[in-house]
Every structure is written in C-alpha cells, then in structure tokens.
C-alpha cells in the first residue's frame, strides 16, 4: 500500500469530495484508510453501564484507498505515488514533481 499513517490526503470521490485530512489508521488487508472527520456517519447507541447516555453518536468510517490521493508535501497538490529504488532501499516519490516523500 502506498499510503502510511500520518500522510495528508484529499478525498476525490463521494459525499466528502474535496475534503482533506491526515491518515489515522491503515487497513492493509481491506485496502482502506481511516481519516478522522471524513466519511462520518450517525449511529444510534443504547445506554449501557460503560456509556451513561445513549443517543446518536458520530462515527468515522474507513475509505477505500482508491478514493483518496496523497497530497505531496513539496508541491502541495494531490499526486500519484511511485517508487524509486536506490541500492537496496525503496523510496516513495511524487509522480507530479518527482520529489521524495
């Protein structure tokens, strides 16, 4: 997966199109990322011993990786991610400005 925790991304498709956020968690097997404040849904929760009040709670759901693009730290624009191999190390690069991420 080309995205990592802490990367700044922009949502390209869906109800939150155009919104930006930082990747909080990466689900590699499901090919999804969790961005707080994006893709938020309401959930009805029952009152329990742990939760004193029931009611409607906002929950952020994960997004498909194909629906977000990495924002390059250098050119500050959404860009595709590629790899460059130097020796035995592999680095992520911005396909737009060719800088190392």
PDB file of N, CA and C in Angstrom:
ATOM      1  N   UNK A   1       0.845  -1.182   0.000  1.00  0.00           N
ATOM      2  CA  UNK A   1       0.000   0.000   0.000  1.00  0.00           C
ATOM      3  C   UNK A   1       0.888   1.243   0.000  1.00  0.00           C
ATOM      4  N   UNK A   2       0.498   2.228  -0.772  1.00  0.00           N
ATOM      5  CA  UNK A   2       1.338   3.403  -0.957  1.00  0.00           C
ATOM      6  C   UNK A   2       1.075   4.513   0.055  1.00  0.00           C
ATOM      7  N   UNK A   3       0.050   4.359   0.899  1.00  0.00           N
ATOM      8  CA  UNK A   3      -0.235   5.354   1.934  1.00  0.00           C
ATOM      9  C   UNK A   3       0.197   4.832   3.295  1.00  0.00           C
ATOM     10  N   UNK A   4       0.622   5.755   4.155  1.00  0.00           N
ATOM     11  CA  UNK A   4       1.049   5.405   5.505  1.00  0.00           C
ATOM     12  C   UNK A   4       0.345   6.309   6.511  1.00  0.00           C
ATOM     13  N   UNK A   5       0.404   5.913   7.763  1.00  0.00           N
ATOM     14  CA  UNK A   5      -0.172   6.719   8.834  1.00  0.00           C
ATOM     15  C   UNK A   5       0.555   8.059   8.880  1.00  0.00           C
ATOM     16  N   UNK A   6      -0.215   9.143   8.977  1.00  0.00           N
ATOM     17  CA  UNK A   6       0.378  10.478   9.039  1.00  0.00           C
ATOM     18  C   UNK A   6       0.405  11.198   7.707  1.00  0.00           C
ATOM     19  N   UNK A   7       0.115  10.500   6.601  1.00  0.00           N
ATOM     20  CA  UNK A   7       0.083  11.146   5.291  1.00  0.00           C
ATOM     21  C   UNK A   7      -1.138  12.049   5.175  1.00  0.00           C
ATOM     22  N   UNK A   8      -0.974  13.181   4.519  1.00  0.00           N
ATOM     23  CA  UNK A   8      -2.088  14.082   4.268  1.00  0.00           C
ATOM     24  C   UNK A   8      -2.723  13.677   2.943  1.00  0.00           C
ATOM     25  N   UNK A   9      -4.046  13.474   2.946  1.00  0.00           N
ATOM     26  CA  UNK A   9      -4.747  13.008   1.753  1.00  0.00           C
ATOM     27  C   UNK A   9      -5.938  13.906   1.437  1.00  0.00           C
ATOM     28  N   UNK A  10      -6.390  13.818   0.188  1.00  0.00           N
ATOM     29  CA  UNK A  10      -7.566  14.545  -0.268  1.00  0.00           C
ATOM     30  C   UNK A  10      -8.547  13.534  -0.830  1.00  0.00           C
ATOM     31  N   UNK A  11      -9.829  13.664  -0.448  1.00  0.00           N
ATOM     32  CA  UNK A  11     -10.869  12.756  -0.934  1.00  0.00           C
ATOM     33  C   UNK A  11     -11.261  13.203  -2.337  1.00  0.00           C
ATOM     34  N   UNK A  12     -11.245  12.261  -3.294  1.00  0.00           N
ATOM     35  CA  UNK A  12     -11.509  12.587  -4.692  1.00  0.00           C
ATOM     36  C   UNK A  12     -12.908  12.166  -5.152  1.00  0.00           C
ATOM     37  N   UNK A  13     -13.559  11.244  -4.430  1.00  0.00           N
ATOM     38  CA  UNK A  13     -14.839  10.688  -4.859  1.00  0.00           C
ATOM     39  C   UNK A  13     -15.770  10.576  -3.660  1.00  0.00           C
ATOM     40  N   UNK A  14     -17.058  10.781  -3.885  1.00  0.00           N
ATOM     41  CA  UNK A  14     -18.047  10.530  -2.838  1.00  0.00           C
ATOM     42  C   UNK A  14     -18.611  11.785  -2.210  1.00  0.00           C
ATOM     43  N   UNK A  15     -19.324  11.603  -1.107  1.00  0.00           N
ATOM     44  CA  UNK A  15     -20.022  12.723  -0.460  1.00  0.00           C
ATOM     45  C   UNK A  15     -19.070  13.728   0.167  1.00  0.00           C
ATOM     46  N   UNK A  16     -17.847  13.312   0.486  1.00  0.00           N
ATOM     47  CA  UNK A  16     -16.857  14.201   1.089  1.00  0.00           C
ATOM     48  C   UNK A  16     -15.803  14.654   0.084  1.00  0.00           C
ATOM     49  N   UNK A  17     -16.153  14.674  -1.193  1.00  0.00           N
ATOM     50  CA  UNK A  17     -15.209  15.050  -2.244  1.00  0.00           C
ATOM     51  C   UNK A  17     -14.639  16.443  -1.986  1.00  0.00           C
ATOM     52  N   UNK A  18     -13.296  16.545  -2.058  1.00  0.00           N
ATOM     53  CA  UNK A  18     -12.626  17.819  -1.861  1.00  0.00           C
ATOM     54  C   UNK A  18     -12.114  18.046  -0.447  1.00  0.00           C
ATOM     55  N   UNK A  19     -12.550  17.233   0.518  1.00  0.00           N
ATOM     56  CA  UNK A  19     -12.103  17.412   1.901  1.00  0.00           C
ATOM     57  C   UNK A  19     -10.731  16.788   2.097  1.00  0.00           C
ATOM     58  N   UNK A  20      -9.973  17.376   3.009  1.00  0.00           N
ATOM     59  CA  UNK A  20      -8.616  16.912   3.284  1.00  0.00           C
ATOM     60  C   UNK A  20      -8.502  16.474   4.733  1.00  0.00           C
ATOM     61  N   UNK A  21      -7.550  15.592   4.978  1.00  0.00           N
ATOM     62  CA  UNK A  21      -7.305  15.117   6.336  1.00  0.00           C
ATOM     63  C   UNK A  21      -6.034  14.295   6.387  1.00  0.00           C
ATOM     64  N   UNK A  22      -5.684  13.885   7.592  1.00  0.00           N
ATOM     65  CA  UNK A  22      -4.482  13.094   7.816  1.00  0.00           C
ATOM     66  C   UNK A  22      -4.873  11.649   8.105  1.00  0.00           C
ATOM     67  N   UNK A  23      -4.170  10.711   7.509  1.00  0.00           N
ATOM     68  CA  UNK A  23      -4.465   9.293   7.703  1.00  0.00           C
ATOM     69  C   UNK A  23      -4.167   8.917   9.153  1.00  0.00           C
ATOM     70  N   UNK A  24      -5.179   8.375   9.832  1.00  0.00           N
ATOM     71  CA  UNK A  24      -5.052   7.995  11.229  1.00  0.00           C
ATOM     72  C   UNK A  24      -4.717   6.517  11.373  1.00  0.00           C
ATOM     73  N   UNK A  25      -5.250   5.702  10.471  1.00  0.00           N
ATOM     74  CA  UNK A  25      -5.032   4.259  10.537  1.00  0.00           C
ATOM     75  C   UNK A  25      -5.111   3.666   9.141  1.00  0.00           C
ATOM     76  N   UNK A  26      -4.318   2.629   8.893  1.00  0.00           N
ATOM     77  CA  UNK A  26      -4.291   1.971   7.592  1.00  0.00           C
ATOM     78  C   UNK A  26      -4.702   0.517   7.772  1.00  0.00           C
ATOM     79  N   UNK A  27      -5.695   0.084   7.000  1.00  0.00           N
ATOM     80  CA  UNK A  27      -6.133  -1.310   6.994  1.00  0.00           C
ATOM     81  C   UNK A  27      -5.632  -1.944   5.706  1.00  0.00           C
ATOM     82  N   UNK A  28      -4.509  -2.646   5.784  1.00  0.00           N
ATOM     83  CA  UNK A  28      -3.835  -3.162   4.595  1.00  0.00           C
ATOM     84  C   UNK A  28      -4.643  -4.270   3.926  1.00  0.00           C
ATOM     85  N   UNK A  29      -5.177  -5.208   4.705  1.00  0.00           N
ATOM     86  CA  UNK A  29      -5.916  -6.337   4.119  1.00  0.00           C
ATOM     87  C   UNK A  29      -7.199  -5.901   3.434  1.00  0.00           C
ATOM     88  N   UNK A  30      -7.886  -4.908   4.003  1.00  0.00           N
ATOM     89  CA  UNK A  30      -9.125  -4.421   3.391  1.00  0.00           C
ATOM     90  C   UNK A  30      -8.876  -3.335   2.348  1.00  0.00           C
ATOM     91  N   UNK A  31      -7.618  -2.861   2.241  1.00  0.00           N
ATOM     92  CA  UNK A  31      -7.242  -1.811   1.300  1.00  0.00           C
ATOM     93  C   UNK A  31      -7.995  -0.513   1.602  1.00  0.00           C
ATOM     94  N   UNK A  32      -8.047  -0.140   2.900  1.00  0.00           N
ATOM     95  CA  UNK A  32      -8.776   1.049   3.329  1.00  0.00           C
ATOM     96  C   UNK A  32      -7.930   1.885   4.269  1.00  0.00           C
ATOM     97  N   UNK A  33      -8.307   3.170   4.403  1.00  0.00           N
ATOM     98  CA  UNK A  33      -7.659   4.075   5.345  1.00  0.00           C
ATOM     99  C   UNK A  33      -8.732   4.792   6.152  1.00  0.00           C
ATOM    100  N   UNK A  34      -8.379   5.176   7.383  1.00  0.00           N
ATOM    101  CA  UNK A  34      -9.284   5.907   8.252  1.00  0.00           C
ATOM    102  C   UNK A  34      -8.776   7.331   8.379  1.00  0.00           C
ATOM    103  N   UNK A  35      -9.630   8.290   7.988  1.00  0.00           N
ATOM    104  CA  UNK A  35      -9.296   9.709   8.073  1.00  0.00           C
ATOM    105  C   UNK A  35     -10.324  10.353   8.994  1.00  0.00           C
ATOM    106  N   UNK A  36      -9.902  10.849  10.183  1.00  0.00           N
ATOM    107  CA  UNK A  36     -10.867  11.443  11.109  1.00  0.00           C
ATOM    108  C   UNK A  36     -11.522  12.694  10.526  1.00  0.00           C
ATOM    109  N   UNK A  37     -12.831  12.817  10.755  1.00  0.00           N
ATOM    110  CA  UNK A  37     -13.571  13.975  10.264  1.00  0.00           C
ATOM    111  C   UNK A  37     -14.070  13.821   8.843  1.00  0.00           C
ATOM    112  N   UNK A  38     -13.705  12.731   8.193  1.00  0.00           N
ATOM    113  CA  UNK A  38     -14.144  12.464   6.819  1.00  0.00           C
ATOM    114  C   UNK A  38     -14.918  11.154   6.822  1.00  0.00           C
ATOM    115  N   UNK A  39     -15.994  11.078   6.021  1.00  0.00           N
ATOM    116  CA  UNK A  39     -16.839   9.887   5.925  1.00  0.00           C
ATOM    117  C   UNK A  39     -17.467   9.574   7.288  1.00  0.00           C
ATOM    118  N   UNK A  40     -18.070  10.595   7.902  1.00  0.00           N
ATOM    119  CA  UNK A  40     -18.671  10.466   9.230  1.00  0.00           C
ATOM    120  C   UNK A  40     -20.147  10.090   9.091  1.00  0.00           C
ATOM    121  N   UNK A  41     -20.561   9.092   9.859  1.00  0.00           N
ATOM    122  CA  UNK A  41     -21.934   8.626   9.865  1.00  0.00           C
ATOM    123  C   UNK A  41     -22.499   8.703  11.278  1.00  0.00           C
ATOM    124  N   UNK A  42     -23.821   8.747  11.374  1.00  0.00           N
ATOM    125  CA  UNK A  42     -24.506   8.765  12.664  1.00  0.00           C
ATOM    126  C   UNK A  42     -24.838   7.328  13.058  1.00  0.00           C
ATOM    127  N   UNK A  43     -24.726   7.037  14.342  1.00  0.00           N
ATOM    128  CA  UNK A  43     -25.019   5.692  14.838  1.00  0.00           C
ATOM    129  C   UNK A  43     -25.841   5.817  16.112  1.00  0.00           C
ATOM    130  N   UNK A  44     -26.913   5.063  16.205  1.00  0.00           N
ATOM    131  CA  UNK A  44     -27.737   5.057  17.403  1.00  0.00           C
ATOM    132  C   UNK A  44     -27.148   4.068  18.395  1.00  0.00           C
ATOM    133  N   UNK A  45     -26.878   4.536  19.614  1.00  0.00           N
ATOM    134  CA  UNK A  45     -26.215   3.710  20.617  1.00  0.00           C
ATOM    135  C   UNK A  45     -27.120   3.590  21.844  1.00  0.00           C
ATOM    136  N   UNK A  46     -27.231   2.366  22.338  1.00  0.00           N
ATOM    137  CA  UNK A  46     -28.034   2.111  23.527  1.00  0.00           C
ATOM    138  C   UNK A  46     -27.287   2.525  24.789  1.00  0.00           C
ATOM    139  N   UNK A  47     -28.023   2.861  25.813  1.00  0.00           N
ATOM    140  CA  UNK A  47     -27.434   3.207  27.109  1.00  0.00           C
ATOM    141  C   UNK A  47     -26.933   1.930  27.781  1.00  0.00           C
ATOM    142  N   UNK A  48     -25.661   1.935  28.246  1.00  0.00           N
ATOM    143  CA  UNK A  48     -25.087   0.769  28.925  1.00  0.00           C
ATOM    144  C   UNK A  48     -24.389   1.229  30.202  1.00  0.00           C
ATOM    145  N   UNK A  49     -23.759   0.294  30.897  1.00  0.00           N
ATOM    146  CA  UNK A  49     -23.019   0.651  32.111  1.00  0.00           C
ATOM    147  C   UNK A  49     -21.789   1.491  31.761  1.00  0.00           C
ATOM    148  N   UNK A  50     -21.122   1.147  30.661  1.00  0.00           N
ATOM    149  CA  UNK A  50     -19.943   1.906  30.239  1.00  0.00           C
ATOM    150  C   UNK A  50     -20.325   3.288  29.734  1.00  0.00           C
ATOM    151  N   UNK A  51     -21.365   3.363  28.963  1.00  0.00           N
ATOM    152  CA  UNK A  51     -21.814   4.624  28.368  1.00  0.00           C
ATOM    153  C   UNK A  51     -23.071   5.070  29.108  1.00  0.00           C
ATOM    154  N   UNK A  52     -22.943   6.127  29.890  1.00  0.00           N
ATOM    155  CA  UNK A  52     -24.051   6.576  30.740  1.00  0.00           C
ATOM    156  C   UNK A  52     -25.245   7.074  29.926  1.00  0.00           C
ATOM    157  N   UNK A  53     -24.957   7.711  28.784  1.00  0.00           N
ATOM    158  CA  UNK A  53     -26.037   8.235  27.957  1.00  0.00           C
ATOM    159  C   UNK A  53     -26.092   7.500  26.635  1.00  0.00           C
ATOM    160  N   UNK A  54     -27.288   7.169  26.222  1.00  0.00           N
ATOM    161  CA  UNK A  54     -27.477   6.613  24.886  1.00  0.00           C
ATOM    162  C   UNK A  54     -27.718   7.764  23.927  1.00  0.00           C
ATOM    163  N   UNK A  55     -28.021   7.451  22.697  1.00  0.00           N
ATOM    164  CA  UNK A  55     -28.336   8.504  21.751  1.00  0.00           C
ATOM    165  C   UNK A  55     -27.624   8.322  20.429  1.00  0.00           C
ATOM    166  N   UNK A  56     -27.481   9.422  19.718  1.00  0.00           N
ATOM    167  CA  UNK A  56     -26.890   9.395  18.384  1.00  0.00           C
ATOM    168  C   UNK A  56     -25.434   9.845  18.479  1.00  0.00           C
ATOM    169  N   UNK A  57     -24.533   9.024  17.943  1.00  0.00           N
ATOM    170  CA  UNK A  57     -23.096   9.267  18.022  1.00  0.00           C
ATOM    171  C   UNK A  57     -22.529   9.356  16.609  1.00  0.00           C
ATOM    172  N   UNK A  58     -21.560  10.256  16.389  1.00  0.00           N
ATOM    173  CA  UNK A  58     -20.873  10.352  15.103  1.00  0.00           C
ATOM    174  C   UNK A  58     -19.710   9.376  15.069  1.00  0.00           C
ATOM    175  N   UNK A  59     -19.628   8.575  14.005  1.00  0.00           N
ATOM    176  CA  UNK A  59     -18.560   7.591  13.852  1.00  0.00           C
ATOM    177  C   UNK A  59     -17.924   7.776  12.482  1.00  0.00           C
ATOM    178  N   UNK A  60     -16.579   7.863  12.463  1.00  0.00           N
ATOM    179  CA  UNK A  60     -15.855   7.974  11.199  1.00  0.00           C
ATOM    180  C   UNK A  60     -15.625   6.571  10.649  1.00  0.00           C
ATOM    181  N   UNK A  61     -15.986   6.358   9.391  1.00  0.00           N
ATOM    182  CA  UNK A  61     -15.779   5.067   8.748  1.00  0.00           C
ATOM    183  C   UNK A  61     -14.570   5.142   7.826  1.00  0.00           C
ATOM    184  N   UNK A  62     -14.021   3.976   7.526  1.00  0.00           N
ATOM    185  CA  UNK A  62     -12.838   3.935   6.663  1.00  0.00           C
ATOM    186  C   UNK A  62     -13.221   4.173   5.210  1.00  0.00           C
ATOM    187  N   UNK A  63     -12.245   4.636   4.424  1.00  0.00           N
ATOM    188  CA  UNK A  63     -12.425   4.911   3.000  1.00  0.00           C
ATOM    189  C   UNK A  63     -11.558   3.975   2.175  1.00  0.00           C
ATOM    190  N   UNK A  64     -12.017   3.657   0.979  1.00  0.00           N
ATOM    191  CA  UNK A  64     -11.194   2.889   0.048  1.00  0.00           C
ATOM    192  C   UNK A  64      -9.980   3.739  -0.343  1.00  0.00           C
ATOM    193  N   UNK A  65      -8.849   3.091  -0.516  1.00  0.00           N
ATOM    194  CA  UNK A  65      -7.618   3.792  -0.899  1.00  0.00           C
ATOM    195  C   UNK A  65      -7.773   4.425  -2.276  1.00  0.00           C
ATOM    196  N   UNK A  66      -8.563   3.807  -3.136  1.00  0.00           N
ATOM    197  CA  UNK A  66      -8.739   4.327  -4.495  1.00  0.00           C
ATOM    198  C   UNK A  66      -9.521   5.640  -4.526  1.00  0.00           C
ATOM    199  N   UNK A  67     -10.180   5.992  -3.429  1.00  0.00           N
ATOM    200  CA  UNK A  67     -10.979   7.215  -3.382  1.00  0.00           C
ATOM    201  C   UNK A  67     -10.218   8.415  -2.837  1.00  0.00           C
ATOM    202  N   UNK A  68      -8.977   8.203  -2.388  1.00  0.00           N
ATOM    203  CA  UNK A  68      -8.181   9.303  -1.848  1.00  0.00           C
ATOM    204  C   UNK A  68      -6.861   9.425  -2.608  1.00  0.00           C
ATOM    205  N   UNK A  69      -6.295  10.631  -2.592  1.00  0.00           N
ATOM    206  CA  UNK A  69      -4.984  10.864  -3.193  1.00  0.00           C
ATOM    207  C   UNK A  69      -4.083  11.543  -2.181  1.00  0.00           C
ATOM    208  N   UNK A  70      -2.821  11.168  -2.209  1.00  0.00           N
ATOM    209  CA  UNK A  70      -1.825  11.748  -1.323  1.00  0.00           C
ATOM    210  C   UNK A  70      -1.533  13.183  -1.740  1.00  0.00           C
ATOM    211  N   UNK A  71      -1.424  14.087  -0.773  1.00  0.00           N
ATOM    212  CA  UNK A  71      -1.027  15.465  -1.057  1.00  0.00           C
ATOM    213  C   UNK A  71       0.476  15.540  -0.846  1.00  0.00           C
ATOM    214  N   UNK A  72       1.195  15.908  -1.892  1.00  0.00           N
ATOM    215  CA  UNK A  72       2.652  15.977  -1.851  1.00  0.00           C
ATOM    216  C   UNK A  72       3.090  17.079  -0.885  1.00  0.00           C
ATOM    217  N   UNK A  73       4.016  16.784   0.034  1.00  0.00           N
ATOM    218  CA  UNK A  73       4.465  17.808   0.971  1.00  0.00           C
ATOM    219  C   UNK A  73       5.229  18.946   0.307  1.00  0.00           C
ATOM    220  N   UNK A  74       5.821  18.698  -0.870  1.00  0.00           N
ATOM    221  CA  UNK A  74       6.614  19.725  -1.532  1.00  0.00           C
ATOM    222  C   UNK A  74       5.755  20.621  -2.436  1.00  0.00           C
ATOM    223  N   UNK A  75       4.990  20.021  -3.362  1.00  0.00           N
ATOM    224  CA  UNK A  75       4.216  20.834  -4.309  1.00  0.00           C
ATOM    225  C   UNK A  75       2.800  21.139  -3.816  1.00  0.00           C
ATOM    226  N   UNK A  76       2.379  20.547  -2.681  1.00  0.00           N
ATOM    227  CA  UNK A  76       1.085  20.812  -2.037  1.00  0.00           C
ATOM    228  C   UNK A  76      -0.114  20.520  -2.933  1.00  0.00           C
ATOM    229  N   UNK A  77       0.041  19.577  -3.872  1.00  0.00           N
ATOM    230  CA  UNK A  77      -1.049  19.196  -4.764  1.00  0.00           C
ATOM    231  C   UNK A  77      -1.268  17.689  -4.679  1.00  0.00           C
ATOM    232  N   UNK A  78      -2.513  17.228  -4.942  1.00  0.00           N
ATOM    233  CA  UNK A  78      -2.748  15.782  -4.963  1.00  0.00           C
ATOM    234  C   UNK A  78      -1.946  15.139  -6.088  1.00  0.00           C
ATOM    235  N   UNK A  79      -1.287  14.033  -5.785  1.00  0.00           N
ATOM    236  CA  UNK A  79      -0.439  13.381  -6.786  1.00  0.00           C
ATOM    237  C   UNK A  79      -0.449  11.879  -6.585  1.00  0.00           C
ATOM    238  N   UNK A  80      -0.155  11.176  -7.659  1.00  0.00           N
ATOM    239  CA  UNK A  80       0.008   9.736  -7.579  1.00  0.00           C
ATOM    240  C   UNK A  80       1.361   9.430  -6.951  1.00  0.00           C
ATOM    241  N   UNK A  81       1.478   8.248  -6.385  1.00  0.00           N
ATOM    242  CA  UNK A  81       2.706   7.861  -5.692  1.00  0.00           C
ATOM    243  C   UNK A  81       3.411   6.782  -6.495  1.00  0.00           C
ATOM    244  N   UNK A  82       4.712   6.947  -6.650  1.00  0.00           N
ATOM    245  CA  UNK A  82       5.532   5.940  -7.310  1.00  0.00           C
ATOM    246  C   UNK A  82       6.676   5.559  -6.399  1.00  0.00           C
ATOM    247  N   UNK A  83       7.537   4.684  -6.879  1.00  0.00           N
ATOM    248  CA  UNK A  83       8.677   4.244  -6.097  1.00  0.00           C
ATOM    249  C   UNK A  83       9.960   4.457  -6.883  1.00  0.00           C
ATOM    250  N   UNK A  84      11.034   4.768  -6.162  1.00  0.00           N
ATOM    251  CA  UNK A  84      12.356   4.812  -6.769  1.00  0.00           C
ATOM    252  C   UNK A  84      13.266   3.951  -5.905  1.00  0.00           C
ATOM    253  N   UNK A  85      14.088   3.142  -6.564  1.00  0.00           N
ATOM    254  CA  UNK A  85      14.965   2.213  -5.855  1.00  0.00           C
ATOM    255  C   UNK A  85      16.394   2.721  -5.948  1.00  0.00           C
ATOM    256  N   UNK A  86      17.008   2.925  -4.792  1.00  0.00           N
ATOM    257  CA  UNK A  86      18.403   3.354  -4.723  1.00  0.00           C
ATOM    258  C   UNK A  86      19.144   2.346  -3.860  1.00  0.00           C
ATOM    259  N   UNK A  87      19.987   1.550  -4.488  1.00  0.00           N
ATOM    260  CA  UNK A  87      20.676   0.485  -3.760  1.00  0.00           C
ATOM    261  C   UNK A  87      19.671  -0.580  -3.358  1.00  0.00           C
ATOM    262  N   UNK A  88      19.582  -0.846  -2.047  1.00  0.00           N
ATOM    263  CA  UNK A  88      18.612  -1.816  -1.551  1.00  0.00           C
ATOM    264  C   UNK A  88      17.405  -1.144  -0.911  1.00  0.00           C
ATOM    265  N   UNK A  89      17.362   0.190  -0.925  1.00  0.00           N
ATOM    266  CA  UNK A  89      16.255   0.918  -0.304  1.00  0.00           C
ATOM    267  C   UNK A  89      15.257   1.366  -1.369  1.00  0.00           C
ATOM    268  N   UNK A  90      13.991   1.402  -0.955  1.00  0.00           N
ATOM    269  CA  UNK A  90      12.916   1.819  -1.838  1.00  0.00           C
ATOM    270  C   UNK A  90      12.250   3.050  -1.235  1.00  0.00           C
ATOM    271  N   UNK A  91      12.129   4.116  -2.002  1.00  0.00           N
ATOM    272  CA  UNK A  91      11.552   5.370  -1.528  1.00  0.00           C
ATOM    273  C   UNK A  91      10.299   5.703  -2.318  1.00  0.00           C
ATOM    274  N   UNK A  92       9.332   6.333  -1.620  1.00  0.00           N
ATOM    275  CA  UNK A  92       8.137   6.820  -2.311  1.00  0.00           C
ATOM    276  C   UNK A  92       8.464   8.153  -2.961  1.00  0.00           C
ATOM    277  N   UNK A  93       7.953   8.375  -4.180  1.00  0.00           N
ATOM    278  CA  UNK A  93       8.156   9.651  -4.859  1.00  0.00           C
ATOM    279  C   UNK A  93       6.825  10.175  -5.373  1.00  0.00           C
ATOM    280  N   UNK A  94       6.754  11.480  -5.495  1.00  0.00           N
ATOM    281  CA  UNK A  94       5.586  12.158  -6.073  1.00  0.00           C
ATOM    282  C   UNK A  94       5.724  12.076  -7.580  1.00  0.00           C
ATOM    283  N   UNK A  95       4.689  11.592  -8.266  1.00  0.00           N
ATOM    284  CA  UNK A  95       4.748  11.462  -9.730  1.00  0.00           C
ATOM    285  C   UNK A  95       4.644  12.824 -10.412  1.00  0.00           C
ATOM    286  N   UNK A  96       4.176  13.836  -9.696  1.00  0.00           N
ATOM    287  CA  UNK A  96       3.997  15.160 -10.289  1.00  0.00           C
ATOM    288  C   UNK A  96       5.299  15.958 -10.297  1.00  0.00           C
ATOM    289  N   UNK A  97       5.981  16.040  -9.125  1.00  0.00           N
ATOM    290  CA  UNK A  97       7.184  16.861  -9.035  1.00  0.00           C
ATOM    291  C   UNK A  97       8.471  16.038  -8.875  1.00  0.00           C
ATOM    292  N   UNK A  98       8.330  14.714  -8.830  1.00  0.00           N
ATOM    293  CA  UNK A  98       9.466  13.787  -8.722  1.00  0.00           C
ATOM    294  C   UNK A  98      10.279  13.944  -7.439  1.00  0.00           C
ATOM    295  N   UNK A  99       9.699  14.524  -6.377  1.00  0.00           N
ATOM    296  CA  UNK A  99      10.417  14.673  -5.114  1.00  0.00           C
ATOM    297  C   UNK A  99      10.147  13.473  -4.216  1.00  0.00           C
ATOM    298  N   UNK A 100      11.052  13.207  -3.292  1.00  0.00           N
ATOM    299  CA  UNK A 100      10.924  12.099  -2.361  1.00  0.00           C
ATOM    300  C   UNK A 100       9.920  12.463  -1.262  1.00  0.00           C
ATOM    301  N   UNK A 101       9.063  11.537  -0.924  1.00  0.00           N
ATOM    302  CA  UNK A 101       8.058  11.783   0.114  1.00  0.00           C
ATOM    303  C   UNK A 101       8.557  11.221   1.437  1.00  0.00           C
TER     304      UNK A 101
END
